Protein backbone atom coordinates (compact mmCIF):
# COMPACT_ATOMS: atom_id res chain seq x y z
CA MET A 1 186.06 5.03 23.25
CA SER A 2 185.51 1.69 21.99
CA TRP A 3 181.86 -0.08 20.72
CA GLY A 4 181.81 -2.62 23.68
CA SER A 5 182.61 0.08 25.95
CA MET A 6 179.98 2.04 24.76
CA ILE A 7 177.54 -0.77 24.43
CA ARG A 8 178.49 -2.25 28.03
CA SER A 9 177.76 1.38 29.62
CA VAL A 10 174.08 1.67 27.85
CA PHE A 11 172.89 -1.82 28.48
CA ASN A 12 174.62 -1.68 32.27
CA SER A 13 173.33 1.74 33.19
CA GLY A 14 171.42 0.22 36.03
CA LEU A 15 172.89 -2.72 36.71
CA LYS A 16 175.59 -3.31 39.15
CA GLY A 17 178.27 -6.70 40.20
CA GLN A 18 177.64 -9.70 38.53
CA GLU A 19 174.47 -8.96 37.26
CA GLU A 20 176.04 -6.18 34.84
CA GLU A 21 178.20 -8.92 33.23
CA GLU A 22 175.61 -11.24 32.40
CA SER A 23 173.34 -9.09 30.89
CA VAL A 24 176.33 -8.08 28.46
CA LYS A 25 177.01 -11.12 27.56
CA PRO A 26 174.03 -12.57 25.29
CA PHE A 27 174.37 -9.34 23.08
CA CYS A 28 178.23 -9.12 22.86
CA GLN A 29 178.19 -12.88 21.35
CA TRP A 30 175.57 -11.58 19.04
CA ILE A 31 177.83 -8.34 18.02
CA MET A 32 180.74 -11.20 17.29
CA SER A 33 178.73 -13.17 15.40
CA PHE A 34 177.49 -10.54 13.32
CA MET A 35 180.79 -9.01 12.89
CA VAL A 36 181.82 -12.73 12.22
CA ILE A 37 179.36 -13.22 9.15
CA LYS A 38 179.65 -9.88 7.70
CA LEU A 39 184.15 -10.43 7.29
CA SER A 40 182.69 -14.06 5.81
CA ALA A 41 180.27 -12.62 3.86
CA GLU A 42 183.37 -9.89 2.16
CA SER A 43 185.93 -12.66 1.78
CA LEU A 44 183.03 -14.58 0.29
CA GLY A 45 182.08 -11.53 -2.14
CA GLN A 46 186.01 -11.10 -2.66
CA THR A 47 186.24 -14.38 -3.89
CA ILE A 48 183.44 -14.72 -6.39
CA CYS A 49 184.90 -11.08 -7.76
CA ALA A 50 187.83 -12.56 -8.43
CA GLY A 51 186.07 -15.61 -10.70
CA VAL A 52 184.34 -13.70 -12.07
CA LYS A 53 187.50 -11.69 -13.28
CA GLY A 54 189.33 -14.92 -14.06
CA GLU A 55 191.69 -14.05 -11.45
CA ASN A 56 193.12 -17.66 -9.84
CA ILE A 57 191.06 -18.03 -7.40
CA SER A 58 192.97 -20.44 -4.85
CA ASP A 59 195.55 -17.29 -4.57
CA LEU A 60 192.59 -15.85 -2.85
CA ILE A 61 191.78 -18.62 -0.46
């Protein structure tokens, strides 16, 4: 079971139909934006570490 479906099942346990989908959208958007921020931070961290080590940063970008 994926994270998305687990989250939906928890948040939608008492809701039906259109209400169900609408109530989950903001939460899913928040989760997705958090994941994008996390991935961006990891990428930035790798770039900074490469610069500190003296590697060619343009190869990573």
